[in-house]
Every structure is written in C-alpha cells, then in structure tokens.
Amino acid sequence: MRYGRTGDGAFGYLHALIDHNLDLVLWTERIVPTEDGNNYALGRYSYYAALVPPKGEQTVTIKLVEDTFFPRDHNDGYETGILTGYCIDNSGQEESKCPNWVDEE
C-alpha cells in the first residue's frame, strides 16, 4: 500500500485516514484476502465488507478501491494498489467520514 497524500490528487493510506477516517492497513488486511474484487473499470477493483455496528449506531459498509495499474510516474515497478476507502451508509451513499467506531471493530 502506498503512503499517498491528502488534498489535490489524494490517494493511499493518508487520504483514507485523514480525509475519510478509515485505517486502510487494518481493512485491507481484513477484506482483500477474503474477497474476490468487483472489477468495475479496467484494472480497478472494489471490495466490500458490511459491519455490525455497536448498539445505537447505523450499519456501515466499508468499500476499498484498488488500482492494478502500473503508473509511469511511480517508476518503482509496483502497481498503484489500494487507492482509497469509504464508508457507505444505509442509503448507499459514501460518507465523507467513517464513524469513529469503524476502526475499533
């Protein structure tokens, strides 16, 4: 997984942690090895995991987005990897920030 950045062109670990309140290392280890990714674009996959919330909280689905593209600007021979992660609420909308309890699961 790439460390990444926030702000313009955000991606990777920092983007998910700071911008979406989601620990990509934790969720990549839990979701990606157990799921067949949904190939929704050329070389781009999504992975999902539904979470049972603590009492009084809404159900949340974690979505991870992986890119298997080998970008020229990285020049290290590795694919881009996990670009970002989101929490999806009960209505199917991506939340701007995941609830705090998500990374405590």
C-alpha atoms as a PDB file:
ATOM      1  CA  MET A   1       0.000   0.000   0.000  1.00  0.00           C
ATOM      2  CA  ARG A   2       1.252   3.432  -0.863  1.00  0.00           C
ATOM      3  CA  TYR A   3       1.543   6.073   1.846  1.00  0.00           C
ATOM      4  CA  GLY A   4      -0.130   8.562  -0.504  1.00  0.00           C
ATOM      5  CA  ARG A   5      -1.261  12.080   0.276  1.00  0.00           C
ATOM      6  CA  THR A   6      -4.279  14.251   1.085  1.00  0.00           C
ATOM      7  CA  GLY A   7      -5.534  17.296  -0.803  1.00  0.00           C
ATOM      8  CA  ASP A   8      -5.450  17.541  -4.608  1.00  0.00           C
ATOM      9  CA  GLY A   9      -4.873  14.135  -6.209  1.00  0.00           C
ATOM     10  CA  ALA A  10      -5.280  12.419  -2.846  1.00  0.00           C
ATOM     11  CA  PHE A  11      -4.816   8.637  -2.615  1.00  0.00           C
ATOM     12  CA  GLY A  12      -3.486   5.898  -0.390  1.00  0.00           C
ATOM     13  CA  TYR A  13      -3.154   5.468   3.344  1.00  0.00           C
ATOM     14  CA  LEU A  14      -3.028   9.169   4.278  1.00  0.00           C
ATOM     15  CA  HIS A  15      -6.031  10.022   2.111  1.00  0.00           C
ATOM     16  CA  ALA A  16      -8.268   7.395   3.682  1.00  0.00           C
ATOM     17  CA  LEU A  17      -7.075   8.020   7.241  1.00  0.00           C
ATOM     18  CA  ILE A  18      -7.247  11.816   7.226  1.00  0.00           C
ATOM     19  CA  ASP A  19      -9.957  12.508   4.666  1.00  0.00           C
ATOM     20  CA  HIS A  20     -12.269   9.541   5.384  1.00  0.00           C
ATOM     21  CA  ASN A  21     -11.328   8.493   8.948  1.00  0.00           C
ATOM     22  CA  LEU A  22     -10.557   4.935   7.777  1.00  0.00           C
ATOM     23  CA  ASP A  23      -7.423   2.878   8.543  1.00  0.00           C
ATOM     24  CA  LEU A  24      -6.605   1.250   5.178  1.00  0.00           C
ATOM     25  CA  VAL A  25      -3.957  -1.074   6.620  1.00  0.00           C
ATOM     26  CA  LEU A  26      -6.463  -2.614   9.033  1.00  0.00           C
ATOM     27  CA  TRP A  27      -9.234  -3.013   6.456  1.00  0.00           C
ATOM     28  CA  THR A  28      -7.021  -4.137   3.575  1.00  0.00           C
ATOM     29  CA  GLU A  29      -5.751  -6.989   5.751  1.00  0.00           C
ATOM     30  CA  ARG A  30      -9.319  -7.952   6.704  1.00  0.00           C
ATOM     31  CA  ILE A  31     -11.152  -7.596   3.384  1.00  0.00           C
ATOM     32  CA  VAL A  32      -8.900  -8.035   0.350  1.00  0.00           C
ATOM     33  CA  PRO A  33      -7.545 -11.551   1.070  1.00  0.00           C
ATOM     34  CA  THR A  34     -11.061 -12.899   1.684  1.00  0.00           C
ATOM     35  CA  GLU A  35     -12.953 -11.290  -1.185  1.00  0.00           C
ATOM     36  CA  ASP A  36     -12.973 -11.528  -4.955  1.00  0.00           C
ATOM     37  CA  GLY A  37     -12.796  -7.932  -6.081  1.00  0.00           C
ATOM     38  CA  ASN A  38     -15.522  -6.462  -8.230  1.00  0.00           C
ATOM     39  CA  ASN A  39     -13.746  -5.384 -11.463  1.00  0.00           C
ATOM     40  CA  TYR A  40     -15.711  -2.247 -12.352  1.00  0.00           C
ATOM     41  CA  ALA A  41     -13.169  -0.499 -14.593  1.00  0.00           C
ATOM     42  CA  LEU A  42     -10.082  -1.528 -16.485  1.00  0.00           C
ATOM     43  CA  GLY A  43      -7.741  -2.718 -13.751  1.00  0.00           C
ATOM     44  CA  ARG A  44      -9.771  -1.167 -10.934  1.00  0.00           C
ATOM     45  CA  TYR A  45     -11.418  -3.347  -8.289  1.00  0.00           C
ATOM     46  CA  SER A  46     -13.685  -2.683  -5.334  1.00  0.00           C
ATOM     47  CA  TYR A  47     -14.002  -4.742  -2.165  1.00  0.00           C
ATOM     48  CA  TYR A  48     -16.815  -4.571   0.396  1.00  0.00           C
ATOM     49  CA  ALA A  49     -17.448  -5.609   3.990  1.00  0.00           C
ATOM     50  CA  ALA A  50     -20.634  -4.956   5.950  1.00  0.00           C
ATOM     51  CA  LEU A  51     -20.115  -4.195   9.628  1.00  0.00           C
ATOM     52  CA  VAL A  52     -22.437  -4.913  12.504  1.00  0.00           C
ATOM     53  CA  PRO A  53     -22.474  -1.667  14.455  1.00  0.00           C
ATOM     54  CA  PRO A  54     -22.404  -1.147  18.201  1.00  0.00           C
ATOM     55  CA  LYS A  55     -25.828  -0.674  19.755  1.00  0.00           C
ATOM     56  CA  GLY A  56     -27.383   2.609  18.692  1.00  0.00           C
ATOM     57  CA  GLU A  57     -25.223   3.088  15.583  1.00  0.00           C
ATOM     58  CA  GLN A  58     -26.168   2.625  11.916  1.00  0.00           C
ATOM     59  CA  THR A  59     -24.887  -0.272   9.837  1.00  0.00           C
ATOM     60  CA  VAL A  60     -21.913   0.701   7.686  1.00  0.00           C
ATOM     61  CA  THR A  61     -20.340  -0.965   4.669  1.00  0.00           C
ATOM     62  CA  ILE A  62     -16.626  -0.500   4.042  1.00  0.00           C
ATOM     63  CA  LYS A  63     -15.602  -0.040   0.406  1.00  0.00           C
ATOM     64  CA  LEU A  64     -11.958  -0.289  -0.677  1.00  0.00           C
ATOM     65  CA  VAL A  65     -10.812   0.704  -4.158  1.00  0.00           C
ATOM     66  CA  GLU A  66      -7.730  -0.954  -5.676  1.00  0.00           C
ATOM     67  CA  ASP A  67      -5.960   0.007  -8.882  1.00  0.00           C
ATOM     68  CA  THR A  68      -3.760  -2.653 -10.514  1.00  0.00           C
ATOM     69  CA  PHE A  69      -2.299  -0.127 -12.963  1.00  0.00           C
ATOM     70  CA  PHE A  70       1.499   0.319 -13.037  1.00  0.00           C
ATOM     71  CA  PRO A  71       1.882   4.119 -13.189  1.00  0.00           C
ATOM     72  CA  ARG A  72       4.859   5.568 -15.033  1.00  0.00           C
ATOM     73  CA  ASP A  73       5.335   8.383 -12.516  1.00  0.00           C
ATOM     74  CA  HIS A  74       5.942   5.966  -9.617  1.00  0.00           C
ATOM     75  CA  ASN A  75       8.710   4.198 -11.517  1.00  0.00           C
ATOM     76  CA  ASP A  76       9.193   1.507  -8.861  1.00  0.00           C
ATOM     77  CA  GLY A  77       7.683  -1.490 -10.680  1.00  0.00           C
ATOM     78  CA  TYR A  78       4.734  -1.861  -8.302  1.00  0.00           C
ATOM     79  CA  GLU A  79       1.050  -1.371  -9.082  1.00  0.00           C
ATOM     80  CA  THR A  80      -0.748   1.560  -7.522  1.00  0.00           C
ATOM     81  CA  GLY A  81      -2.593  -0.709  -5.063  1.00  0.00           C
ATOM     82  CA  ILE A  82      -5.329   0.430  -2.684  1.00  0.00           C
ATOM     83  CA  LEU A  83      -6.274   3.969  -3.676  1.00  0.00           C
ATOM     84  CA  THR A  84      -8.842   4.778  -1.028  1.00  0.00           C
ATOM     85  CA  GLY A  85     -11.581   3.503   1.225  1.00  0.00           C
ATOM     86  CA  TYR A  86     -15.006   4.784   2.164  1.00  0.00           C
ATOM     87  CA  CYS A  87     -17.856   4.037   4.490  1.00  0.00           C
ATOM     88  CA  ILE A  88     -21.213   3.614   2.808  1.00  0.00           C
ATOM     89  CA  ASP A  89     -24.367   4.359   4.803  1.00  0.00           C
ATOM     90  CA  ASN A  90     -27.715   2.527   4.759  1.00  0.00           C
ATOM     91  CA  SER A  91     -28.943   4.560   1.776  1.00  0.00           C
ATOM     92  CA  GLY A  92     -25.919   3.538  -0.323  1.00  0.00           C
ATOM     93  CA  GLN A  93     -24.219   6.949  -0.133  1.00  0.00           C
ATOM     94  CA  GLU A  94     -20.491   7.334   0.505  1.00  0.00           C
ATOM     95  CA  GLU A  95     -19.971   9.165   3.779  1.00  0.00           C
ATOM     96  CA  SER A  96     -17.362  11.924   3.904  1.00  0.00           C
ATOM     97  CA  LYS A  97     -16.006  10.450   7.162  1.00  0.00           C
ATOM     98  CA  CYS A  98     -16.385   6.988   8.658  1.00  0.00           C
ATOM     99  CA  PRO A  99     -17.745   6.813  12.207  1.00  0.00           C
ATOM    100  CA  ASN A 100     -15.028   6.506  14.864  1.00  0.00           C
ATOM    101  CA  TRP A 101     -16.193   3.038  15.899  1.00  0.00           C
ATOM    102  CA  VAL A 102     -15.337   1.536  12.467  1.00  0.00           C
ATOM    103  CA  ASP A 103     -11.577   1.219  13.108  1.00  0.00           C
ATOM    104  CA  GLU A 104     -12.263  -0.172  16.587  1.00  0.00           C
ATOM    105  CA  GLU A 105     -14.069  -3.253  15.161  1.00  0.00           C
END
